[in-house]
Amino acid sequence: MITVQADDLVRILPQAILAGFAILVMVFEPFLPAARKTLLGWFSLFGVVAAGAATIRTSFSPGLAFGNSISADRFSLFFICLFLLVAALTLLGSFHSLERENINHGEFYALLLMATVGMCFMAASTELIMIFLGLEISSLATYVLAGFKRQDALSNEASLKYFLLGSFATAFFLYGIAVVYGLTGTTNLLVLSAQLGRSGEFRPGAVFAWVALLLMFVGLAFKVSTVPFHVWTPDVYQGAPAPVTAFLSVGPKAAAFAVLLRIFLGAFASAGSGVFWVFWASAILTMCLGNLAALLQSNVKRLLAYSAIAHAGYVLVGIAAGRGEGTAPVLFYLTVYALMNVGAFLLVAHLAGTGERWTRIEDFTGLGYQRPAVAACLAAFMLSLAGFPTTAGFFAKFYIFRAAVHSGLIGLTIVAVLTSVVSVYYYFRLIVVMYMREGKAEAASASLPWALRVALAISVVGIFYLGLYPTDFLLLTNLAAVPLP
C-alpha cells in the first residue's frame, strides 16, 4: 500500500496547480460574456506563472513520490519549466487569434492547461503506467485542440487523423509496457534499471524484450513525428488553428523525447546495441525525408511541419550519441527549438489573417518593405531554424553534432550536416520572398497585439541570447542530465 506524505504533494505541486486552474477556468466560463472570455486566458497565464513558482518550491524538496512512481529531480524540473514556457508563449500569442476566429472559449485554455499537466507527468514519471497516464491526459486534450475550429473542415480532418493515428500509436506503447511487465514483473524504471545493471540485458526472453522496446519506441515515435510515423504531421499542423499548431509542434514532442531519454538512456541504457541502431536508422530517415519534403512545400504551415519532422531527426542524433554525450545537448536543442518554432508559428498565425487565408509563401512577398520589424522577426526565426551563427539554432546543432562525433557516429554526423545544408534553401525561400521580391504582401496588415509582441520578444531575445552566450545554459542542461537512472 502506498502512503501519501506531505513531501509527495509538494513534488507534484506544479501539476496540481495547473489542474486546479484548468478546473476553475471551466467553472468561471459560463459566467463570462463572450466579449470577456480573454480574461480566462489571462487567468490561465497566471496559473502557469503560479505553477512556475511552485516548480521553484519543488526544487528545494527533490526526491521520489507516490511509491517511487514520480521523481522530482533536476531532469523532470527542467522539462516542467520548458513546458510552462511553451504554455505561456502559446497563451500570449493566442488571445488575438482566438478572438479573430470567433473561437475564444474557456475550453481552449482549460484543454491547454490539462495538456501541459499530462506532459509534466510524462517527464516526471519513473513508472511506465504513470507515463502512459500522462500520455493519455496530454493526448486527449490535444486531440480536441486540433479540431477546435469546429466549422472548419480542415480542422475537423486534422483532429480525426490525429485521434485515430494517435490512439493506434498509444496502443503500441501500452502493449510494450505489458510485455515488459510480463518479462520482469515490474513497470518501475528504477527497478528495471537496477535489474539490467546486474544482468546487462534481458534474460530470459530476449526476443520478447526487443519486441517490448520496439513497441514502446513506435508509440513515442508517433508523438515526435519520426519517419515512418510522421504521416499525420503535415495535415494536422496545416488544419489545426495556428496557436494550437505552435503548441503541438513543441510541447507533446518535447514530452515524448523526455520519456525516450528516461526509458532508453536511463532504465534500458544497458540493454544492448539494438536500441542504438533503431535510433540511428530512424534519425537518418527522419532528417532526409523531412528536409527533402520541405523543399516542395508552398504552404508555410506545411513547410514548418516538415521542418519539425527534420528537427526531430536531429534530436534523435543526440539520443543515438548516448547518455554520456547526448543528453545535455538534447535538452539544449529542445529549449532552442521551443523558442524558435513557437515564435514562428505564432507570427504566421497573426499574418495569416481571418480564416488563415494567407499561408502560402507568395503571400509574404514584399513583407520586408511593408512591415520591416515583423519581417525581421520572422527572418530571425528562419535563420535560427536553419542554424546560422549568432542564433541559438547554430549552437543547438553544433552541440548535437559534436556529441555524435565524440561517440564515433561520423557517418550519422555527415548525413545530419548535409541535410542541414539542404534546409537552408527552403528557409531562405521565405526570406527571399520577403526582402527580394517586389509586390504587396497579402499577409495581414493589422498591428501586432501587445501580448503577441511580448511572446515574440521573449522568443527572439532567447534565440540571440542563447546564440551569443550559451555557456551558462549549457551548464544548466548538464546538471539536468545527471539524474537519469
Protein backbone atom coordinates (compact mmCIF):
# COMPACT_ATOMS: atom_id res chain seq x y z
CA MET A 1 0.00 0.00 0.00
CA ILE A 2 1.26 3.48 -0.92
CA THR A 3 1.07 6.09 1.84
CA VAL A 4 0.93 9.74 0.85
CA GLN A 5 3.35 12.06 2.63
CA ALA A 6 3.41 15.86 2.64
CA ASP A 7 6.56 15.83 0.52
CA ASP A 8 4.74 13.75 -2.10
CA LEU A 9 2.23 16.54 -2.59
CA VAL A 10 4.99 19.15 -2.82
CA ARG A 11 6.68 17.12 -5.56
CA ILE A 12 3.59 17.25 -7.79
CA LEU A 13 2.66 20.81 -6.83
CA PRO A 14 3.15 22.30 -10.35
CA GLN A 15 0.86 19.68 -11.90
CA ALA A 16 -1.73 20.13 -9.15
CA ILE A 17 -1.81 23.91 -9.62
CA LEU A 18 -2.22 23.60 -13.39
CA ALA A 19 -5.04 21.08 -12.98
CA GLY A 20 -6.72 23.29 -10.40
CA PHE A 21 -6.61 26.33 -12.66
CA ALA A 22 -7.99 24.26 -15.55
CA ILE A 23 -10.97 23.27 -13.41
CA LEU A 24 -11.51 26.86 -12.27
CA VAL A 25 -11.47 28.07 -15.89
CA MET A 26 -14.34 25.71 -16.66
CA VAL A 27 -16.21 26.85 -13.54
CA PHE A 28 -15.87 30.54 -14.43
CA GLU A 29 -16.51 30.13 -18.17
CA PRO A 30 -20.36 30.16 -18.10
CA PHE A 31 -20.41 33.38 -16.06
CA LEU A 32 -18.41 35.49 -18.50
CA PRO A 33 -19.90 37.09 -21.62
CA ALA A 34 -18.36 36.25 -24.99
CA ALA A 35 -16.58 39.60 -25.20
CA ARG A 36 -14.69 38.95 -21.97
CA LYS A 37 -13.53 35.35 -22.48
CA THR A 38 -9.94 36.58 -22.86
CA LEU A 39 -9.97 37.13 -19.08
CA LEU A 40 -9.92 33.35 -18.79
CA GLY A 41 -6.75 33.34 -20.87
CA TRP A 42 -5.07 35.79 -18.53
CA PHE A 43 -6.29 33.74 -15.58
CA SER A 44 -4.73 30.65 -17.20
CA LEU A 45 -1.49 32.54 -17.74
CA PHE A 46 -1.50 33.42 -14.05
CA GLY A 47 -1.91 29.71 -13.34
CA VAL A 48 1.15 28.93 -15.47
CA VAL A 49 3.16 31.56 -13.57
CA ALA A 50 1.93 30.09 -10.27
CA ALA A 51 3.00 26.64 -11.44
CA GLY A 52 6.41 28.10 -12.27
CA ALA A 53 6.71 29.42 -8.72
CA ALA A 54 5.65 26.00 -7.44
CA THR A 55 8.38 24.40 -9.56
CA ILE A 56 10.95 26.57 -7.78
CA ARG A 57 9.49 25.43 -4.47
CA THR A 58 9.60 21.80 -5.57
CA SER A 59 13.28 22.14 -6.47
CA PHE A 60 14.02 22.59 -2.75
CA SER A 61 12.39 19.22 -1.96
CA PRO A 62 13.73 16.84 -4.62
CA GLY A 63 13.13 13.13 -4.42
CA LEU A 64 10.70 10.34 -5.23
CA ALA A 65 6.97 10.43 -4.52
CA PHE A 66 3.95 8.16 -4.53
CA GLY A 67 5.72 4.84 -4.22
CA ASN A 68 8.68 5.80 -6.43
CA SER A 69 6.39 6.46 -9.40
CA ILE A 70 7.13 10.21 -9.60
CA SER A 71 10.57 11.80 -9.45
CA ALA A 72 11.07 15.48 -8.68
CA ASP A 73 14.66 15.52 -9.94
CA ARG A 74 16.57 18.09 -11.95
CA PHE A 75 15.68 16.32 -15.20
CA SER A 76 11.91 16.49 -14.63
CA LEU A 77 12.02 20.04 -13.25
CA PHE A 78 13.93 21.20 -16.33
CA PHE A 79 11.24 19.80 -18.61
CA ILE A 80 8.41 21.16 -16.45
CA CYS A 81 9.93 24.64 -16.80
CA LEU A 82 10.18 24.10 -20.56
CA PHE A 83 6.53 23.04 -20.80
CA LEU A 84 5.43 26.04 -18.74
CA LEU A 85 7.40 28.34 -21.06
CA VAL A 86 5.71 26.80 -24.11
CA ALA A 87 2.27 27.11 -22.49
CA ALA A 88 2.89 30.75 -21.52
CA LEU A 89 4.09 31.73 -25.00
CA THR A 90 1.15 29.94 -26.61
CA LEU A 91 -1.34 31.71 -24.35
CA LEU A 92 0.19 35.12 -25.01
CA GLY A 93 0.15 34.54 -28.74
CA SER A 94 -3.34 33.05 -28.97
CA PHE A 95 -5.60 35.75 -27.48
CA HIS A 96 -5.94 37.79 -30.66
CA SER A 97 -6.13 34.78 -32.98
CA LEU A 98 -8.92 33.18 -30.96
CA GLU A 99 -10.95 36.40 -30.95
CA ARG A 100 -10.41 36.90 -34.67
CA GLU A 101 -11.59 33.36 -35.47
CA ASN A 102 -14.56 33.54 -33.03
CA ILE A 103 -13.31 30.52 -31.08
CA ASN A 104 -12.34 32.33 -27.89
CA HIS A 105 -13.84 29.86 -25.42
CA GLY A 106 -12.78 28.83 -21.95
CA GLU A 107 -12.42 25.22 -23.08
CA PHE A 108 -9.35 26.19 -25.12
CA TYR A 109 -7.48 27.42 -22.07
CA ALA A 110 -8.58 24.51 -19.88
CA LEU A 111 -7.50 21.97 -22.50
CA LEU A 112 -4.14 23.68 -22.95
CA LEU A 113 -3.51 23.58 -19.20
CA MET A 114 -4.53 19.92 -18.98
CA ALA A 115 -2.29 19.03 -21.92
CA THR A 116 0.55 20.68 -20.01
CA VAL A 117 -0.33 18.64 -16.91
CA GLY A 118 -0.05 15.44 -18.93
CA MET A 119 3.30 16.48 -20.37
CA CYS A 120 4.65 17.31 -16.91
CA PHE A 121 3.66 13.87 -15.64
CA MET A 122 5.30 12.24 -18.65
CA ALA A 123 8.62 13.92 -17.87
CA ALA A 124 8.44 13.31 -14.12
CA SER A 125 7.25 9.69 -14.08
CA THR A 126 9.58 6.81 -13.26
CA GLU A 127 6.75 4.31 -13.67
CA LEU A 128 5.64 3.15 -17.12
CA ILE A 129 1.97 3.14 -16.13
CA MET A 130 2.24 6.74 -14.92
CA ILE A 131 3.94 7.68 -18.19
CA PHE A 132 1.03 6.11 -20.05
CA LEU A 133 -1.49 8.08 -17.95
CA GLY A 134 0.38 11.32 -18.61
CA LEU A 135 0.49 10.49 -22.31
CA GLU A 136 -3.27 9.94 -22.36
CA ILE A 137 -4.04 13.16 -20.47
CA SER A 138 -1.92 15.14 -22.91
CA SER A 139 -3.23 13.31 -25.98
CA LEU A 140 -6.94 13.63 -25.20
CA ALA A 141 -6.57 17.38 -24.68
CA THR A 142 -4.58 17.91 -27.88
CA TYR A 143 -6.99 15.80 -29.97
CA VAL A 144 -9.74 18.28 -29.10
CA LEU A 145 -7.50 21.32 -29.55
CA ALA A 146 -6.57 20.21 -33.08
CA GLY A 147 -10.25 20.34 -34.07
CA PHE A 148 -11.14 23.45 -32.09
CA LYS A 149 -12.35 25.28 -35.22
CA ARG A 150 -15.46 23.11 -35.40
CA GLN A 151 -16.87 24.81 -38.51
CA ASP A 152 -13.64 24.28 -40.46
CA ALA A 153 -13.39 21.05 -42.47
CA LEU A 154 -9.58 21.07 -42.38
CA SER A 155 -9.58 21.42 -38.61
CA ASN A 156 -12.05 18.55 -38.25
CA GLU A 157 -9.93 16.42 -40.54
CA ALA A 158 -6.81 17.26 -38.53
CA SER A 159 -8.49 16.26 -35.27
CA LEU A 160 -9.81 12.98 -36.68
CA LYS A 161 -6.46 11.98 -38.19
CA TYR A 162 -4.62 12.90 -35.02
CA PHE A 163 -7.08 10.95 -32.88
CA LEU A 164 -7.14 7.77 -34.98
CA LEU A 165 -3.40 7.54 -35.57
CA GLY A 166 -2.62 8.70 -32.03
CA SER A 167 -4.85 6.03 -30.49
CA PHE A 168 -3.22 3.42 -32.68
CA ALA A 169 0.26 4.51 -31.61
CA THR A 170 -0.71 4.66 -27.93
CA ALA A 171 -1.84 1.04 -28.15
CA PHE A 172 1.66 0.09 -29.30
CA PHE A 173 3.15 1.81 -26.26
CA LEU A 174 0.73 0.04 -23.93
CA TYR A 175 1.47 -3.35 -25.49
CA GLY A 176 5.17 -2.67 -24.93
CA ILE A 177 4.51 -1.95 -21.25
CA ALA A 178 2.54 -5.20 -20.97
CA VAL A 179 5.41 -7.22 -22.45
CA VAL A 180 7.93 -5.56 -20.10
CA TYR A 181 5.75 -6.42 -17.11
CA GLY A 182 5.32 -10.00 -18.32
CA LEU A 183 9.09 -10.44 -18.58
CA THR A 184 10.23 -8.64 -15.44
CA GLY A 185 7.25 -8.43 -13.10
CA THR A 186 7.61 -4.66 -12.75
CA THR A 187 6.96 -1.46 -14.67
CA ASN A 188 9.08 0.78 -12.45
CA LEU A 189 12.02 2.26 -14.36
CA LEU A 190 14.24 2.43 -11.28
CA VAL A 191 13.74 -1.28 -10.57
CA LEU A 192 14.23 -2.13 -14.24
CA SER A 193 17.44 -0.10 -14.33
CA ALA A 194 18.76 -1.99 -11.30
CA GLN A 195 17.84 -5.36 -12.85
CA LEU A 196 19.52 -4.54 -16.15
CA GLY A 197 22.52 -3.14 -14.34
CA ARG A 198 23.07 -6.53 -12.74
CA SER A 199 22.38 -8.73 -15.76
CA GLY A 200 23.44 -6.40 -18.59
CA GLU A 201 20.48 -7.46 -20.72
CA PHE A 202 17.06 -9.11 -20.58
CA ARG A 203 17.27 -12.77 -19.51
CA PRO A 204 15.30 -14.85 -20.30
CA GLY A 205 13.07 -13.91 -23.22
CA ALA A 206 15.49 -11.62 -25.01
CA VAL A 207 13.46 -11.71 -28.22
CA PHE A 208 10.32 -10.56 -26.42
CA ALA A 209 12.37 -7.87 -24.67
CA TRP A 210 13.36 -6.35 -28.00
CA VAL A 211 9.75 -6.58 -29.11
CA ALA A 212 8.74 -4.61 -26.00
CA LEU A 213 11.35 -1.91 -26.61
CA LEU A 214 10.36 -1.64 -30.26
CA LEU A 215 6.66 -1.33 -29.39
CA MET A 216 7.36 1.45 -26.90
CA PHE A 217 9.56 3.23 -29.41
CA VAL A 218 6.80 3.09 -32.04
CA GLY A 219 4.30 4.62 -29.61
CA LEU A 220 6.65 7.50 -28.78
CA ALA A 221 7.92 7.92 -32.36
CA PHE A 222 4.40 8.93 -33.38
CA LYS A 223 4.46 11.78 -30.88
CA VAL A 224 7.84 13.07 -32.03
CA SER A 225 6.96 12.66 -35.74
CA THR A 226 9.81 10.43 -36.81
CA VAL A 227 9.74 8.55 -40.11
CA PRO A 228 7.75 6.40 -40.87
CA PHE A 229 5.34 7.56 -38.13
CA HIS A 230 5.18 11.14 -39.39
CA VAL A 231 2.29 10.91 -41.87
CA TRP A 232 -0.16 12.76 -39.63
CA THR A 233 2.08 15.77 -39.05
CA PRO A 234 1.67 17.94 -42.20
CA ASP A 235 -2.12 17.59 -42.34
CA VAL A 236 -2.63 18.17 -38.61
CA TYR A 237 -0.26 21.15 -38.48
CA GLN A 238 -1.97 22.71 -41.50
CA GLY A 239 -5.53 22.04 -40.36
CA ALA A 240 -5.29 22.87 -36.66
CA PRO A 241 -5.59 26.51 -35.53
CA ALA A 242 -2.13 28.06 -35.78
CA PRO A 243 -1.73 28.69 -31.99
CA VAL A 244 -2.58 25.02 -31.42
CA THR A 245 -0.03 24.05 -34.07
CA ALA A 246 2.58 26.13 -32.24
CA PHE A 247 1.84 24.18 -29.06
CA LEU A 248 1.65 20.77 -30.78
CA SER A 249 4.92 21.26 -32.61
CA VAL A 250 6.86 21.68 -29.37
CA GLY A 251 5.06 20.59 -26.18
CA PRO A 252 3.97 16.98 -26.80
CA LYS A 253 7.12 16.41 -28.86
CA ALA A 254 9.42 17.54 -26.03
CA ALA A 255 7.44 15.41 -23.55
CA ALA A 256 7.84 12.33 -25.73
CA PHE A 257 11.57 12.99 -26.04
CA ALA A 258 11.77 13.27 -22.23
CA VAL A 259 10.20 9.81 -22.00
CA LEU A 260 12.57 8.45 -24.66
CA LEU A 261 15.50 9.73 -22.64
CA ARG A 262 14.21 8.24 -19.38
CA ILE A 263 13.46 4.85 -20.91
CA PHE A 264 16.20 4.29 -23.46
CA LEU A 265 19.10 6.31 -22.00
CA GLY A 266 18.03 5.65 -18.40
CA ALA A 267 16.39 2.38 -17.44
CA PHE A 268 17.31 0.47 -20.62
CA ALA A 269 20.68 2.11 -21.31
CA SER A 270 22.46 -1.24 -20.86
CA ALA A 271 20.01 -3.26 -22.96
CA GLY A 272 22.47 -3.58 -25.85
CA SER A 273 23.29 -2.17 -29.26
CA GLY A 274 19.93 -2.98 -30.86
CA VAL A 275 18.35 0.19 -29.45
CA PHE A 276 21.19 2.28 -30.87
CA TRP A 277 20.60 1.03 -34.42
CA VAL A 278 16.90 1.80 -34.16
CA PHE A 279 17.71 5.42 -33.29
CA TRP A 280 20.44 5.56 -35.93
CA ALA A 281 18.17 4.39 -38.75
CA SER A 282 15.23 6.50 -37.62
CA ALA A 283 17.41 9.62 -37.39
CA ILE A 284 18.70 9.23 -40.95
CA LEU A 285 15.25 8.56 -42.42
CA THR A 286 13.68 11.44 -40.50
CA MET A 287 16.32 14.01 -41.40
CA CYS A 288 16.33 13.05 -45.08
CA LEU A 289 12.58 12.86 -45.63
CA GLY A 290 11.76 15.93 -43.52
CA ASN A 291 14.21 18.19 -45.31
CA LEU A 292 13.60 16.87 -48.83
CA ALA A 293 9.81 17.06 -48.47
CA ALA A 294 10.04 20.62 -47.13
CA LEU A 295 11.71 21.68 -50.39
CA LEU A 296 8.45 21.02 -52.26
CA GLN A 297 6.07 22.94 -49.99
CA SER A 298 4.37 26.18 -50.93
CA ASN A 299 2.31 26.48 -47.72
CA VAL A 300 4.24 27.95 -44.78
CA LYS A 301 2.49 25.79 -42.18
CA ARG A 302 3.24 22.61 -44.13
CA LEU A 303 6.81 23.77 -44.67
CA LEU A 304 7.24 24.24 -40.91
CA ALA A 305 5.58 20.84 -40.36
CA TYR A 306 8.21 19.07 -42.44
CA SER A 307 10.83 21.24 -40.79
CA ALA A 308 9.58 19.93 -37.43
CA ILE A 309 10.00 16.37 -38.70
CA ALA A 310 13.58 17.13 -39.74
CA HIS A 311 14.39 18.66 -36.36
CA ALA A 312 13.10 15.52 -34.65
CA GLY A 313 15.76 13.69 -36.64
CA TYR A 314 18.48 15.98 -35.27
CA VAL A 315 17.31 15.29 -31.73
CA LEU A 316 17.48 11.55 -32.45
CA VAL A 317 21.13 12.05 -33.44
CA GLY A 318 21.76 13.30 -29.90
CA ILE A 319 19.91 10.36 -28.39
CA ALA A 320 21.87 7.94 -30.59
CA ALA A 321 25.06 9.51 -29.19
CA GLY A 322 24.14 8.00 -25.85
CA ARG A 323 23.79 9.03 -22.25
CA GLY A 324 27.39 10.11 -21.79
CA GLU A 325 27.43 12.62 -24.65
CA GLY A 326 23.93 13.25 -25.97
CA THR A 327 21.56 14.03 -23.11
CA ALA A 328 22.63 17.59 -22.28
CA PRO A 329 22.79 18.68 -25.97
CA VAL A 330 19.30 17.23 -26.48
CA LEU A 331 17.95 19.33 -23.59
CA PHE A 332 19.62 22.43 -25.04
CA TYR A 333 18.26 21.66 -28.51
CA LEU A 334 14.68 21.17 -27.29
CA THR A 335 14.74 24.52 -25.46
CA VAL A 336 16.05 26.37 -28.50
CA TYR A 337 13.59 24.57 -30.76
CA ALA A 338 10.73 25.63 -28.49
CA LEU A 339 11.67 29.31 -28.73
CA MET A 340 12.11 29.46 -32.49
CA ASN A 341 9.25 27.17 -33.51
CA VAL A 342 6.58 28.60 -31.20
CA GLY A 343 7.60 32.10 -32.25
CA ALA A 344 7.46 31.24 -35.96
CA PHE A 345 4.02 29.63 -35.77
CA LEU A 346 2.54 32.42 -33.64
CA LEU A 347 3.77 35.06 -36.09
CA VAL A 348 2.47 33.10 -39.07
CA ALA A 349 -0.88 32.76 -37.26
CA HIS A 350 -1.15 36.54 -36.97
CA LEU A 351 -0.07 37.25 -40.54
CA ALA A 352 -2.40 34.61 -41.99
CA GLY A 353 -5.43 36.76 -41.25
CA THR A 354 -9.03 35.68 -40.60
CA GLY A 355 -9.59 32.09 -41.61
CA GLU A 356 -5.83 31.71 -42.06
CA ARG A 357 -6.21 32.67 -45.73
CA TRP A 358 -2.66 33.85 -46.34
CA THR A 359 -0.34 30.98 -45.56
CA ARG A 360 1.31 30.49 -48.95
CA ILE A 361 4.92 31.59 -49.29
CA GLU A 362 3.92 34.01 -52.07
CA ASP A 363 1.56 35.78 -49.67
CA PHE A 364 4.62 37.17 -47.85
CA THR A 365 6.02 38.90 -50.97
CA GLY A 366 7.45 42.31 -50.08
CA LEU A 367 6.70 41.96 -46.37
CA GLY A 368 10.18 43.22 -45.55
CA TYR A 369 9.30 46.63 -47.02
CA GLN A 370 5.74 46.90 -45.71
CA ARG A 371 6.33 45.51 -42.21
CA PRO A 372 10.13 45.64 -41.63
CA ALA A 373 10.01 44.81 -37.91
CA VAL A 374 7.64 41.86 -38.41
CA ALA A 375 9.66 40.56 -41.35
CA ALA A 376 12.89 40.86 -39.36
CA CYS A 377 11.35 38.84 -36.55
CA LEU A 378 10.21 36.09 -38.93
CA ALA A 379 13.61 36.12 -40.65
CA ALA A 380 15.31 35.64 -37.27
CA PHE A 381 13.22 32.53 -36.65
CA MET A 382 14.05 31.15 -40.10
CA LEU A 383 17.77 31.83 -39.66
CA SER A 384 17.77 30.11 -36.28
CA LEU A 385 15.88 27.10 -37.65
CA ALA A 386 18.49 26.91 -40.42
CA GLY A 387 21.27 27.02 -37.83
CA PHE A 388 23.02 30.27 -38.71
CA PRO A 389 25.79 31.61 -36.41
CA THR A 390 24.83 34.14 -33.70
CA THR A 391 21.46 32.39 -33.36
CA ALA A 392 20.71 29.65 -30.84
CA GLY A 393 19.90 27.24 -33.65
CA PHE A 394 23.57 27.20 -34.65
CA PHE A 395 24.82 26.14 -31.24
CA ALA A 396 21.94 23.68 -30.80
CA LYS A 397 23.01 21.81 -33.93
CA PHE A 398 26.70 22.24 -33.17
CA TYR A 399 26.44 20.58 -29.76
CA ILE A 400 24.31 17.74 -31.16
CA PHE A 401 26.80 17.11 -33.97
CA ARG A 402 29.76 17.35 -31.60
CA ALA A 403 28.19 14.77 -29.29
CA ALA A 404 27.70 12.44 -32.25
CA VAL A 405 31.33 12.86 -33.36
CA HIS A 406 32.62 12.19 -29.84
CA SER A 407 30.54 8.99 -29.80
CA GLY A 408 32.11 7.85 -33.07
CA LEU A 409 28.99 8.43 -35.21
CA ILE A 410 30.88 10.01 -38.09
CA GLY A 411 28.56 8.77 -40.85
CA LEU A 412 25.45 9.90 -38.98
CA THR A 413 27.02 13.31 -38.39
CA ILE A 414 27.84 13.72 -42.09
CA VAL A 415 24.23 12.97 -43.03
CA ALA A 416 23.00 15.44 -40.38
CA VAL A 417 25.29 18.21 -41.67
CA LEU A 418 24.34 17.62 -45.31
CA THR A 419 20.61 17.64 -44.60
CA SER A 420 21.06 20.78 -42.50
CA VAL A 421 22.67 22.43 -45.53
CA VAL A 422 19.68 21.38 -47.64
CA SER A 423 17.33 23.01 -45.13
CA VAL A 424 18.91 26.41 -45.77
CA TYR A 425 17.23 26.50 -49.18
CA TYR A 426 13.64 26.27 -48.01
CA TYR A 427 14.13 28.56 -45.01
CA PHE A 428 15.70 31.14 -47.30
CA ARG A 429 12.81 30.88 -49.75
CA LEU A 430 10.66 32.76 -47.28
CA ILE A 431 13.38 35.33 -46.56
CA VAL A 432 13.97 35.92 -50.27
CA VAL A 433 10.24 36.40 -50.88
CA MET A 434 10.01 38.94 -48.06
CA TYR A 435 13.07 41.00 -48.99
CA MET A 436 13.98 40.36 -52.63
CA ARG A 437 10.64 40.23 -54.43
CA GLU A 438 8.58 43.23 -55.42
CA GLY A 439 4.90 43.29 -54.67
CA LYS A 440 2.38 43.82 -51.93
CA ALA A 441 2.20 41.21 -49.19
CA GLU A 442 -1.20 39.59 -48.85
CA ALA A 443 -0.42 38.73 -45.24
CA ALA A 444 -2.48 40.60 -42.66
CA SER A 445 -1.57 44.23 -42.13
CA ALA A 446 -3.10 44.51 -38.67
CA SER A 447 -0.73 45.70 -35.97
CA LEU A 448 0.66 43.18 -33.54
CA PRO A 449 -1.27 42.93 -30.24
CA TRP A 450 0.97 43.73 -27.31
CA ALA A 451 0.55 40.26 -25.78
CA LEU A 452 1.85 38.72 -29.01
CA ARG A 453 4.68 41.24 -29.03
CA VAL A 454 5.71 40.05 -25.57
CA ALA A 455 5.71 36.41 -26.72
CA LEU A 456 7.74 37.24 -29.83
CA ALA A 457 10.17 39.40 -27.84
CA ILE A 458 10.81 36.54 -25.40
CA SER A 459 11.41 34.16 -28.30
CA VAL A 460 13.71 36.48 -30.27
CA VAL A 461 15.72 37.61 -27.24
CA GLY A 462 16.05 33.98 -26.14
CA ILE A 463 17.27 32.93 -29.58
CA PHE A 464 20.01 35.56 -29.72
CA TYR A 465 20.97 35.29 -26.05
CA LEU A 466 21.48 31.52 -26.28
CA GLY A 467 23.21 32.04 -29.61
CA LEU A 468 25.73 34.51 -28.18
CA TYR A 469 26.04 33.32 -24.57
CA PRO A 470 25.17 29.60 -24.46
CA THR A 471 27.65 28.59 -21.74
CA ASP A 472 25.55 29.26 -18.64
CA PHE A 473 22.53 27.47 -20.05
CA LEU A 474 24.71 24.53 -21.11
CA LEU A 475 25.84 24.19 -17.50
CA LEU A 476 22.18 24.02 -16.52
CA THR A 477 21.44 21.30 -19.09
CA ASN A 478 24.46 19.32 -17.87
CA LEU A 479 23.08 19.46 -14.34
CA ALA A 480 19.61 18.42 -15.53
CA ALA A 481 21.04 15.43 -17.42
CA VAL A 482 22.77 13.93 -14.37
CA PRO A 483 19.82 12.29 -12.52
CA LEU A 484 18.87 9.89 -15.31
CA PRO A 485 18.84 6.37 -13.75
